[in-house]
């Protein structure tokens, strides 16, 4: 089994940290990769949780 070149894109995608080009490539990949799609679904709530964290002044 070969290593998925997009395996580490999930969190960056959810957090909006991918370049426009990488975002487009990853979204195309998500259409056919159940593993990455499941990972994105698991992480989907992360931005909302991070927004609730108090940051030190």
N, C-alpha and C. Protein backbone atom coordinates (compact mmCIF):
# COMPACT_ATOMS: atom_id res chain seq x y z
N UNK A 1 0.85 -1.18 0.00
CA UNK A 1 0.00 0.00 0.00
C UNK A 1 0.89 1.24 0.00
N UNK A 2 0.61 2.15 -0.91
CA UNK A 2 1.44 3.35 -0.99
C UNK A 2 0.93 4.41 -0.02
N UNK A 3 1.82 5.27 0.36
CA UNK A 3 1.48 6.36 1.28
C UNK A 3 0.61 7.39 0.56
N UNK A 4 -0.45 7.83 1.22
CA UNK A 4 -1.35 8.84 0.66
C UNK A 4 -0.66 10.20 0.76
N UNK A 5 -0.41 10.86 -0.38
CA UNK A 5 0.28 12.16 -0.33
C UNK A 5 -0.55 13.26 0.34
N UNK A 6 -1.84 13.01 0.54
CA UNK A 6 -2.71 13.99 1.18
C UNK A 6 -2.99 13.67 2.65
N UNK A 7 -2.35 12.66 3.18
CA UNK A 7 -2.66 12.17 4.53
C UNK A 7 -2.50 13.24 5.61
N UNK A 8 -1.66 14.21 5.39
CA UNK A 8 -1.43 15.24 6.41
C UNK A 8 -2.16 16.55 6.11
N UNK A 9 -3.00 16.57 5.11
CA UNK A 9 -3.69 17.80 4.72
C UNK A 9 -4.96 18.06 5.52
N UNK A 10 -5.48 17.05 6.23
CA UNK A 10 -6.80 17.15 6.85
C UNK A 10 -6.95 18.32 7.82
N UNK A 11 -6.05 18.44 8.78
CA UNK A 11 -6.17 19.52 9.77
C UNK A 11 -5.96 20.89 9.12
N UNK A 12 -4.99 20.99 8.24
CA UNK A 12 -4.75 22.26 7.56
C UNK A 12 -5.96 22.67 6.73
N UNK A 13 -6.61 21.70 6.13
CA UNK A 13 -7.83 21.98 5.35
C UNK A 13 -8.93 22.52 6.25
N UNK A 14 -9.17 21.83 7.35
CA UNK A 14 -10.23 22.23 8.28
C UNK A 14 -9.97 23.61 8.86
N UNK A 15 -8.71 23.92 9.10
CA UNK A 15 -8.34 25.21 9.69
C UNK A 15 -8.17 26.31 8.64
N UNK A 16 -8.34 25.98 7.38
CA UNK A 16 -8.22 26.98 6.32
C UNK A 16 -6.79 27.41 6.04
N UNK A 17 -5.84 26.51 6.30
CA UNK A 17 -4.43 26.87 6.18
C UNK A 17 -3.78 26.39 4.88
N UNK A 18 -4.54 25.75 4.01
CA UNK A 18 -3.96 25.31 2.74
C UNK A 18 -3.96 26.44 1.73
N UNK A 19 -3.00 26.40 0.83
CA UNK A 19 -3.00 27.36 -0.27
C UNK A 19 -4.22 27.08 -1.15
N UNK A 20 -4.66 28.04 -1.94
CA UNK A 20 -5.80 27.78 -2.82
C UNK A 20 -5.59 26.56 -3.73
N UNK A 21 -4.37 26.40 -4.22
CA UNK A 21 -4.07 25.28 -5.10
C UNK A 21 -4.16 23.95 -4.34
N UNK A 22 -3.56 23.90 -3.15
CA UNK A 22 -3.61 22.67 -2.36
C UNK A 22 -5.04 22.38 -1.91
N UNK A 23 -5.78 23.41 -1.59
CA UNK A 23 -7.18 23.22 -1.18
C UNK A 23 -7.98 22.57 -2.31
N UNK A 24 -7.82 23.08 -3.51
CA UNK A 24 -8.53 22.52 -4.66
C UNK A 24 -8.13 21.07 -4.89
N UNK A 25 -6.84 20.79 -4.86
CA UNK A 25 -6.36 19.42 -5.06
C UNK A 25 -6.90 18.49 -3.98
N UNK A 26 -6.91 18.96 -2.73
CA UNK A 26 -7.40 18.13 -1.63
C UNK A 26 -8.91 17.89 -1.75
N UNK A 27 -9.66 18.91 -2.12
CA UNK A 27 -11.11 18.73 -2.30
C UNK A 27 -11.41 17.72 -3.40
N UNK A 28 -10.62 17.73 -4.46
CA UNK A 28 -10.79 16.72 -5.51
C UNK A 28 -10.47 15.33 -4.95
N UNK A 29 -9.43 15.23 -4.16
CA UNK A 29 -9.02 13.97 -3.54
C UNK A 29 -10.11 13.45 -2.59
N UNK A 30 -10.75 14.34 -1.85
CA UNK A 30 -11.77 13.94 -0.89
C UNK A 30 -12.95 13.22 -1.55
N UNK A 31 -13.19 13.51 -2.81
CA UNK A 31 -14.30 12.87 -3.52
C UNK A 31 -14.09 11.36 -3.67
N UNK A 32 -12.84 10.92 -3.63
CA UNK A 32 -12.56 9.50 -3.87
C UNK A 32 -11.86 8.80 -2.72
N UNK A 33 -11.50 9.53 -1.68
CA UNK A 33 -10.76 8.92 -0.56
C UNK A 33 -11.61 8.94 0.71
N UNK A 34 -12.17 7.79 1.03
CA UNK A 34 -13.01 7.68 2.23
C UNK A 34 -12.23 7.96 3.50
N UNK A 35 -10.97 7.55 3.55
CA UNK A 35 -10.15 7.75 4.75
C UNK A 35 -9.94 9.23 5.04
N UNK A 36 -9.57 9.99 4.04
CA UNK A 36 -9.36 11.43 4.24
C UNK A 36 -10.67 12.15 4.52
N UNK A 37 -11.74 11.73 3.84
CA UNK A 37 -13.04 12.35 4.08
C UNK A 37 -13.50 12.11 5.52
N UNK A 38 -13.27 10.90 6.03
CA UNK A 38 -13.63 10.60 7.42
C UNK A 38 -12.80 11.43 8.38
N UNK A 39 -11.54 11.61 8.08
CA UNK A 39 -10.66 12.41 8.94
C UNK A 39 -11.13 13.86 8.98
N UNK A 40 -11.52 14.40 7.84
CA UNK A 40 -12.02 15.78 7.79
C UNK A 40 -13.31 15.89 8.60
N UNK A 41 -14.18 14.91 8.49
CA UNK A 41 -15.43 14.93 9.28
C UNK A 41 -15.12 14.93 10.78
N UNK A 42 -14.13 14.14 11.19
CA UNK A 42 -13.75 14.09 12.61
C UNK A 42 -13.22 15.44 13.10
N UNK A 43 -12.50 16.14 12.25
CA UNK A 43 -11.87 17.40 12.64
C UNK A 43 -12.74 18.62 12.38
N UNK A 44 -13.88 18.45 11.78
CA UNK A 44 -14.71 19.58 11.35
C UNK A 44 -15.08 20.53 12.48
N UNK A 45 -15.22 20.05 13.69
CA UNK A 45 -15.59 20.91 14.81
C UNK A 45 -14.42 21.64 15.44
N UNK A 46 -13.22 21.35 15.01
CA UNK A 46 -12.03 21.94 15.61
C UNK A 46 -12.00 23.46 15.56
N UNK A 47 -12.30 24.11 14.44
CA UNK A 47 -12.26 25.58 14.44
C UNK A 47 -13.21 26.19 15.48
N UNK A 48 -14.39 25.62 15.64
CA UNK A 48 -15.33 26.12 16.64
C UNK A 48 -14.81 25.96 18.05
N UNK A 49 -14.18 24.83 18.32
CA UNK A 49 -13.60 24.61 19.65
C UNK A 49 -12.45 25.58 19.91
N UNK A 50 -11.61 25.77 18.92
CA UNK A 50 -10.48 26.69 19.09
C UNK A 50 -10.96 28.12 19.31
N UNK A 51 -12.06 28.49 18.70
CA UNK A 51 -12.60 29.84 18.86
C UNK A 51 -13.07 30.09 20.30
N UNK A 52 -13.39 29.03 21.02
CA UNK A 52 -13.88 29.16 22.39
C UNK A 52 -12.75 29.23 23.42
N UNK A 53 -11.53 28.94 23.01
CA UNK A 53 -10.40 28.95 23.93
C UNK A 53 -9.98 30.39 24.21
N UNK A 54 -9.86 30.71 25.49
CA UNK A 54 -9.38 32.03 25.87
C UNK A 54 -7.89 32.12 25.60
N UNK A 55 -7.48 33.22 25.01
CA UNK A 55 -6.06 33.44 24.77
C UNK A 55 -5.53 34.38 25.84
N UNK A 56 -4.30 34.15 26.28
CA UNK A 56 -3.73 35.03 27.30
C UNK A 56 -3.57 36.45 26.76
N UNK A 57 -3.76 37.40 27.63
CA UNK A 57 -3.65 38.82 27.25
C UNK A 57 -2.20 39.23 27.15
